[in-house]
């Protein structure tokens, strides 16, 4: 029995966990009488998932060649996510001069889940490089 490719495993885990988180997130919103798909929530989950996958695939692809720089590149990936946040999401969230808790949660929930998954998978990858 062959092992599943780490990239495929990462993508599957990310899709499943972001999917579950999205379902729970929107269910909580709906049960509290709040709009289910407001605050760019769908775009936020998609963008965070795609960026997490892109960052992981790139780091995995260059893991041997850039072994000593992987940590810095991982941090650069997080920086990229913040740049995307400030370009894509922040202007929409700040239209009314403040960012509500719902707007913050719409971005931060998928960001946090993606970051946790990336960190776990990067840790596994680095352990195998030693």
N, C-alpha and C. Protein backbone atom coordinates (compact mmCIF):
# COMPACT_ATOMS: atom_id res chain seq x y z
N UNK A 1 0.85 -1.19 0.00
CA UNK A 1 0.00 0.00 0.00
C UNK A 1 0.89 1.24 0.00
N UNK A 2 0.72 2.08 -0.98
CA UNK A 2 1.56 3.27 -1.07
C UNK A 2 1.01 4.40 -0.21
N UNK A 3 1.95 5.22 0.24
CA UNK A 3 1.57 6.38 1.05
C UNK A 3 0.99 7.45 0.13
N UNK A 4 0.09 8.24 0.69
CA UNK A 4 -0.50 9.33 -0.08
C UNK A 4 0.53 10.46 -0.20
N UNK A 5 0.57 11.06 -1.34
CA UNK A 5 1.46 12.19 -1.62
C UNK A 5 1.22 13.30 -0.59
N UNK A 6 2.28 13.87 0.02
CA UNK A 6 2.10 14.91 1.03
C UNK A 6 1.32 16.14 0.52
N UNK A 7 1.50 16.48 -0.74
CA UNK A 7 0.77 17.63 -1.29
C UNK A 7 -0.71 17.30 -1.38
N UNK A 8 -1.04 16.10 -1.89
CA UNK A 8 -2.45 15.69 -1.96
C UNK A 8 -3.05 15.60 -0.56
N UNK A 9 -2.28 15.07 0.38
CA UNK A 9 -2.74 14.96 1.76
C UNK A 9 -3.03 16.35 2.34
N UNK A 10 -2.13 17.29 2.10
CA UNK A 10 -2.32 18.66 2.58
C UNK A 10 -3.59 19.26 1.99
N UNK A 11 -3.77 19.11 0.70
CA UNK A 11 -4.94 19.70 0.03
C UNK A 11 -6.23 19.07 0.55
N UNK A 12 -6.23 17.76 0.73
CA UNK A 12 -7.43 17.08 1.24
C UNK A 12 -7.75 17.55 2.66
N UNK A 13 -6.74 17.55 3.53
CA UNK A 13 -6.96 17.99 4.91
C UNK A 13 -7.43 19.44 4.95
N UNK A 14 -6.82 20.29 4.15
CA UNK A 14 -7.20 21.71 4.11
C UNK A 14 -8.64 21.87 3.63
N UNK A 15 -9.00 21.18 2.55
CA UNK A 15 -10.37 21.26 2.04
C UNK A 15 -11.39 20.78 3.08
N UNK A 16 -11.09 19.66 3.70
CA UNK A 16 -12.03 19.10 4.69
C UNK A 16 -12.17 20.03 5.89
N UNK A 17 -11.04 20.45 6.47
CA UNK A 17 -11.12 21.28 7.66
C UNK A 17 -11.70 22.67 7.39
N UNK A 18 -11.34 23.26 6.26
CA UNK A 18 -11.96 24.55 5.91
C UNK A 18 -13.44 24.37 5.61
N UNK A 19 -13.80 23.26 4.98
CA UNK A 19 -15.21 22.98 4.70
C UNK A 19 -16.02 22.83 5.97
N UNK A 20 -15.49 22.08 6.92
CA UNK A 20 -16.17 21.89 8.21
C UNK A 20 -16.26 23.22 8.95
N UNK A 21 -15.16 23.96 8.97
CA UNK A 21 -15.15 25.26 9.65
C UNK A 21 -16.15 26.22 9.00
N UNK A 22 -16.20 26.24 7.68
CA UNK A 22 -17.15 27.09 6.97
C UNK A 22 -18.58 26.71 7.35
N UNK A 23 -18.87 25.42 7.37
CA UNK A 23 -20.21 24.96 7.72
C UNK A 23 -20.58 25.38 9.14
N UNK A 24 -19.67 25.16 10.09
CA UNK A 24 -19.92 25.55 11.49
C UNK A 24 -20.08 27.06 11.60
N UNK A 25 -19.19 27.79 10.94
CA UNK A 25 -19.21 29.26 10.97
C UNK A 25 -20.54 29.80 10.46
N UNK A 26 -20.96 29.33 9.28
CA UNK A 26 -22.20 29.84 8.71
C UNK A 26 -23.43 29.36 9.49
N UNK A 27 -23.35 28.19 10.07
CA UNK A 27 -24.45 27.69 10.90
C UNK A 27 -24.61 28.55 12.15
N UNK A 28 -23.50 28.91 12.77
CA UNK A 28 -23.55 29.79 13.95
C UNK A 28 -24.14 31.15 13.56
N UNK A 29 -23.70 31.69 12.44
CA UNK A 29 -24.24 32.97 11.98
C UNK A 29 -25.75 32.87 11.79
N UNK A 30 -26.18 31.84 11.08
CA UNK A 30 -27.60 31.67 10.79
C UNK A 30 -28.41 31.46 12.07
N UNK A 31 -27.89 30.67 13.00
CA UNK A 31 -28.64 30.40 14.23
C UNK A 31 -28.76 31.64 15.12
N UNK A 32 -27.89 32.62 14.88
CA UNK A 32 -27.98 33.88 15.62
C UNK A 32 -28.72 34.96 14.83
N UNK A 33 -29.36 34.56 13.74
CA UNK A 33 -30.15 35.49 12.95
C UNK A 33 -29.31 36.48 12.14
N UNK A 34 -28.08 36.12 11.88
CA UNK A 34 -27.18 36.99 11.12
C UNK A 34 -27.09 36.49 9.68
N UNK A 35 -26.74 37.38 8.76
CA UNK A 35 -26.59 36.93 7.37
C UNK A 35 -25.50 35.87 7.26
N UNK A 36 -25.85 34.78 6.61
CA UNK A 36 -24.97 33.63 6.51
C UNK A 36 -23.73 33.88 5.63
N UNK A 37 -23.92 34.60 4.54
CA UNK A 37 -22.84 34.75 3.56
C UNK A 37 -22.42 36.21 3.39
N UNK A 38 -22.43 36.95 4.47
CA UNK A 38 -22.05 38.36 4.43
C UNK A 38 -20.55 38.49 4.72
N UNK A 39 -20.03 39.68 4.59
CA UNK A 39 -18.64 40.01 4.96
C UNK A 39 -17.59 39.25 4.16
N UNK A 40 -17.91 38.97 2.92
CA UNK A 40 -16.97 38.28 2.01
C UNK A 40 -16.52 36.93 2.57
N UNK A 41 -17.39 36.25 3.29
CA UNK A 41 -17.01 35.01 3.96
C UNK A 41 -16.61 33.91 2.98
N UNK A 42 -17.34 33.79 1.88
CA UNK A 42 -17.00 32.76 0.90
C UNK A 42 -15.64 33.06 0.27
N UNK A 43 -15.46 34.30 -0.14
CA UNK A 43 -14.18 34.71 -0.74
C UNK A 43 -13.03 34.50 0.25
N UNK A 44 -13.27 34.78 1.51
CA UNK A 44 -12.25 34.64 2.53
C UNK A 44 -11.80 33.18 2.69
N UNK A 45 -12.76 32.27 2.75
CA UNK A 45 -12.41 30.86 2.87
C UNK A 45 -11.68 30.38 1.62
N UNK A 46 -12.15 30.81 0.45
CA UNK A 46 -11.50 30.39 -0.79
C UNK A 46 -10.08 30.95 -0.90
N UNK A 47 -9.92 32.23 -0.65
CA UNK A 47 -8.61 32.87 -0.77
C UNK A 47 -7.62 32.26 0.23
N UNK A 48 -8.05 32.09 1.48
CA UNK A 48 -7.15 31.50 2.47
C UNK A 48 -6.78 30.07 2.12
N UNK A 49 -7.73 29.29 1.62
CA UNK A 49 -7.44 27.91 1.22
C UNK A 49 -6.48 27.84 0.05
N UNK A 50 -6.72 28.68 -0.96
CA UNK A 50 -5.86 28.69 -2.15
C UNK A 50 -4.46 29.16 -1.78
N UNK A 51 -4.36 30.22 -0.99
CA UNK A 51 -3.04 30.71 -0.60
C UNK A 51 -2.28 29.69 0.24
N UNK A 52 -2.97 29.02 1.16
CA UNK A 52 -2.33 28.00 1.98
C UNK A 52 -1.79 26.88 1.09
N UNK A 53 -2.61 26.43 0.15
CA UNK A 53 -2.17 25.36 -0.76
C UNK A 53 -0.99 25.82 -1.61
N UNK A 54 -1.07 27.01 -2.14
CA UNK A 54 0.00 27.55 -2.98
C UNK A 54 1.31 27.65 -2.20
N UNK A 55 1.24 28.18 -1.00
CA UNK A 55 2.43 28.33 -0.16
C UNK A 55 3.02 26.96 0.17
N UNK A 56 2.16 26.01 0.56
CA UNK A 56 2.67 24.69 0.92
C UNK A 56 3.29 23.99 -0.29
N UNK A 57 2.62 24.05 -1.42
CA UNK A 57 3.14 23.40 -2.63
C UNK A 57 4.50 23.98 -3.02
N UNK A 58 4.62 25.30 -2.97
CA UNK A 58 5.90 25.93 -3.31
C UNK A 58 7.00 25.53 -2.32
N UNK A 59 6.68 25.59 -1.04
CA UNK A 59 7.69 25.22 -0.04
C UNK A 59 8.06 23.75 -0.12
N UNK A 60 7.07 22.91 -0.37
CA UNK A 60 7.35 21.48 -0.50
C UNK A 60 8.23 21.22 -1.73
N UNK A 61 7.93 21.92 -2.81
CA UNK A 61 8.69 21.74 -4.05
C UNK A 61 10.16 22.14 -3.91
N UNK A 62 10.41 23.16 -3.10
CA UNK A 62 11.77 23.67 -2.93
C UNK A 62 12.39 23.26 -1.60
N UNK A 63 11.82 22.28 -0.91
CA UNK A 63 12.26 21.90 0.44
C UNK A 63 13.72 21.48 0.51
N UNK A 64 14.20 20.79 -0.50
CA UNK A 64 15.60 20.31 -0.46
C UNK A 64 16.56 21.40 -0.93
N UNK A 65 16.15 22.12 -1.95
CA UNK A 65 17.01 23.15 -2.53
C UNK A 65 17.19 24.33 -1.56
N UNK A 66 16.11 24.70 -0.86
CA UNK A 66 16.14 25.86 0.04
C UNK A 66 15.94 25.43 1.50
N UNK A 67 16.52 24.31 1.85
CA UNK A 67 16.33 23.71 3.17
C UNK A 67 16.57 24.70 4.32
N UNK A 68 17.61 25.50 4.22
CA UNK A 68 17.96 26.42 5.30
C UNK A 68 17.11 27.69 5.33
N UNK A 69 16.36 27.94 4.27
CA UNK A 69 15.54 29.15 4.21
C UNK A 69 14.03 28.87 4.36
N UNK A 70 13.65 27.62 4.56
CA UNK A 70 12.24 27.26 4.59
C UNK A 70 11.47 28.06 5.64
N UNK A 71 12.03 28.24 6.82
CA UNK A 71 11.35 28.99 7.88
C UNK A 71 11.07 30.42 7.46
N UNK A 72 12.06 31.04 6.84
CA UNK A 72 11.88 32.42 6.38
C UNK A 72 10.84 32.49 5.25
N UNK A 73 10.87 31.50 4.38
CA UNK A 73 9.90 31.47 3.29
C UNK A 73 8.48 31.23 3.82
N UNK A 74 8.37 30.43 4.86
CA UNK A 74 7.07 30.21 5.50
C UNK A 74 6.53 31.52 6.06
N UNK A 75 7.39 32.27 6.73
CA UNK A 75 6.99 33.57 7.27
C UNK A 75 6.62 34.52 6.12
N UNK A 76 7.37 34.46 5.02
CA UNK A 76 7.04 35.28 3.85
C UNK A 76 5.65 34.92 3.32
N UNK A 77 5.30 33.63 3.38
CA UNK A 77 3.97 33.21 2.96
C UNK A 77 2.88 33.82 3.82
N UNK A 78 3.12 33.89 5.12
CA UNK A 78 2.16 34.53 6.03
C UNK A 78 2.07 36.02 5.72
N UNK A 79 3.21 36.62 5.41
CA UNK A 79 3.23 38.03 5.03
C UNK A 79 2.41 38.25 3.75
N UNK A 80 2.53 37.32 2.81
CA UNK A 80 1.74 37.39 1.58
C UNK A 80 0.25 37.37 1.88
N UNK A 81 -0.15 36.52 2.82
CA UNK A 81 -1.57 36.47 3.21
C UNK A 81 -2.04 37.80 3.77
N UNK A 82 -1.19 38.45 4.57
CA UNK A 82 -1.57 39.76 5.11
C UNK A 82 -1.66 40.81 4.01
N UNK A 83 -0.77 40.75 3.04
CA UNK A 83 -0.83 41.68 1.92
C UNK A 83 -2.15 41.50 1.17
N UNK A 84 -2.51 40.25 0.92
CA UNK A 84 -3.79 39.97 0.24
C UNK A 84 -4.95 40.49 1.08
N UNK A 85 -4.88 40.29 2.40
CA UNK A 85 -5.93 40.80 3.28
C UNK A 85 -6.08 42.31 3.12
N UNK A 86 -4.97 43.04 3.17
CA UNK A 86 -5.03 44.49 3.10
C UNK A 86 -5.42 45.01 1.72
N UNK A 87 -5.19 44.23 0.69
CA UNK A 87 -5.58 44.65 -0.66
C UNK A 87 -7.03 44.27 -0.97
N UNK A 88 -7.42 43.05 -0.63
CA UNK A 88 -8.72 42.52 -1.04
C UNK A 88 -9.82 42.76 0.00
N UNK A 89 -9.53 42.50 1.26
CA UNK A 89 -10.58 42.49 2.29
C UNK A 89 -10.68 43.79 3.09
N UNK A 90 -9.56 44.32 3.50
CA UNK A 90 -9.55 45.47 4.40
C UNK A 90 -10.33 46.68 3.85
N UNK A 91 -10.14 47.04 2.58
CA UNK A 91 -10.90 48.20 2.08
C UNK A 91 -12.42 48.00 2.18
N UNK A 92 -12.89 46.79 1.93
CA UNK A 92 -14.32 46.51 2.02
C UNK A 92 -14.78 46.56 3.48
N UNK A 93 -13.97 46.00 4.37
CA UNK A 93 -14.34 45.97 5.79
C UNK A 93 -14.30 47.36 6.41
N UNK A 94 -13.45 48.24 5.91
CA UNK A 94 -13.31 49.57 6.50
C UNK A 94 -14.16 50.65 5.82
N UNK A 95 -15.06 50.26 4.94
CA UNK A 95 -15.92 51.23 4.25
C UNK A 95 -16.66 52.10 5.26
N UNK A 96 -17.13 51.49 6.34
CA UNK A 96 -17.87 52.23 7.37
C UNK A 96 -16.95 52.74 8.49
N UNK A 97 -15.67 52.79 8.24
CA UNK A 97 -14.63 53.29 9.16
C UNK A 97 -14.34 52.39 10.35
N UNK A 98 -14.92 51.23 10.40
CA UNK A 98 -14.58 50.29 11.47
C UNK A 98 -14.74 48.86 10.99
N UNK A 99 -13.99 47.97 11.60
CA UNK A 99 -14.10 46.56 11.26
C UNK A 99 -14.87 45.87 12.38
N UNK A 100 -16.00 45.30 12.04
CA UNK A 100 -16.82 44.64 13.05
C UNK A 100 -16.24 43.29 13.42
N UNK A 101 -16.73 42.73 14.51
CA UNK A 101 -16.28 41.40 14.93
C UNK A 101 -16.65 40.35 13.88
N UNK A 102 -17.79 40.54 13.24
CA UNK A 102 -18.22 39.59 12.21
C UNK A 102 -17.29 39.64 11.00
N UNK A 103 -16.87 40.83 10.62
CA UNK A 103 -15.93 40.98 9.51
C UNK A 103 -14.58 40.35 9.88
N UNK A 104 -14.12 40.63 11.10
CA UNK A 104 -12.86 40.06 11.56
C UNK A 104 -12.93 38.53 11.55
N UNK A 105 -14.03 37.98 12.07
CA UNK A 105 -14.19 36.52 12.14
C UNK A 105 -14.26 35.91 10.74
N UNK A 106 -14.90 36.62 9.80
CA UNK A 106 -15.02 36.10 8.43
C UNK A 106 -13.66 35.90 7.81
N UNK A 107 -12.69 36.75 8.15
CA UNK A 107 -11.35 36.56 7.61
C UNK A 107 -10.49 35.68 8.53
N UNK A 108 -10.56 35.94 9.83
CA UNK A 108 -9.62 35.30 10.74
C UNK A 108 -9.87 33.80 10.93
N UNK A 109 -11.11 33.36 10.92
CA UNK A 109 -11.39 31.93 11.12
C UNK A 109 -10.69 31.08 10.05
N UNK A 110 -10.89 31.36 8.75
CA UNK A 110 -10.18 30.54 7.76
C UNK A 110 -8.67 30.78 7.76
N UNK A 111 -8.25 32.00 8.10
CA UNK A 111 -6.82 32.28 8.18
C UNK A 111 -6.18 31.42 9.26
N UNK A 112 -6.80 31.38 10.44
CA UNK A 112 -6.25 30.62 11.56
C UNK A 112 -6.22 29.12 11.26
N UNK A 113 -7.30 28.60 10.70
CA UNK A 113 -7.35 27.17 10.38
C UNK A 113 -6.27 26.83 9.35
N UNK A 114 -6.16 27.65 8.32
CA UNK A 114 -5.14 27.43 7.29
C UNK A 114 -3.74 27.48 7.88
N UNK A 115 -3.50 28.44 8.75
CA UNK A 115 -2.18 28.60 9.36
C UNK A 115 -1.83 27.40 10.24
N UNK A 116 -2.80 26.91 10.99
CA UNK A 116 -2.56 25.73 11.83
C UNK A 116 -2.21 24.52 10.97
N UNK A 117 -2.98 24.31 9.91
CA UNK A 117 -2.72 23.18 9.00
C UNK A 117 -1.34 23.32 8.36
N UNK A 118 -1.03 24.52 7.87
CA UNK A 118 0.28 24.75 7.25
C UNK A 118 1.40 24.47 8.24
N UNK A 119 1.25 24.93 9.47
CA UNK A 119 2.29 24.76 10.47
C UNK A 119 2.51 23.29 10.78
N UNK A 120 1.44 22.54 10.93
CA UNK A 120 1.56 21.10 11.20
C UNK A 120 2.26 20.38 10.05
N UNK A 121 1.83 20.67 8.83
CA UNK A 121 2.42 20.00 7.67
C UNK A 121 3.86 20.44 7.43
N UNK A 122 4.16 21.71 7.68
CA UNK A 122 5.54 22.18 7.52
C UNK A 122 6.44 21.53 8.56
N UNK A 123 5.92 21.37 9.77
CA UNK A 123 6.68 20.71 10.83
C UNK A 123 7.02 19.28 10.43
N UNK A 124 6.04 18.56 9.92
CA UNK A 124 6.27 17.18 9.45
C UNK A 124 7.32 17.16 8.33
N UNK A 125 7.18 18.10 7.42
CA UNK A 125 8.10 18.15 6.29
C UNK A 125 9.53 18.41 6.77
N UNK A 126 9.68 19.35 7.70
CA UNK A 126 11.02 19.67 8.21
C UNK A 126 11.63 18.51 8.98
N UNK A 127 10.81 17.78 9.71
CA UNK A 127 11.33 16.62 10.45
C UNK A 127 11.87 15.57 9.49
N UNK A 128 11.23 15.41 8.34
CA UNK A 128 11.69 14.42 7.36
C UNK A 128 12.98 14.88 6.67
N UNK A 129 13.23 16.19 6.66
CA UNK A 129 14.46 16.69 6.03
C UNK A 129 15.69 16.45 6.88
N UNK A 130 15.50 16.29 8.18
CA UNK A 130 16.65 16.14 9.08
C UNK A 130 17.38 14.84 8.88
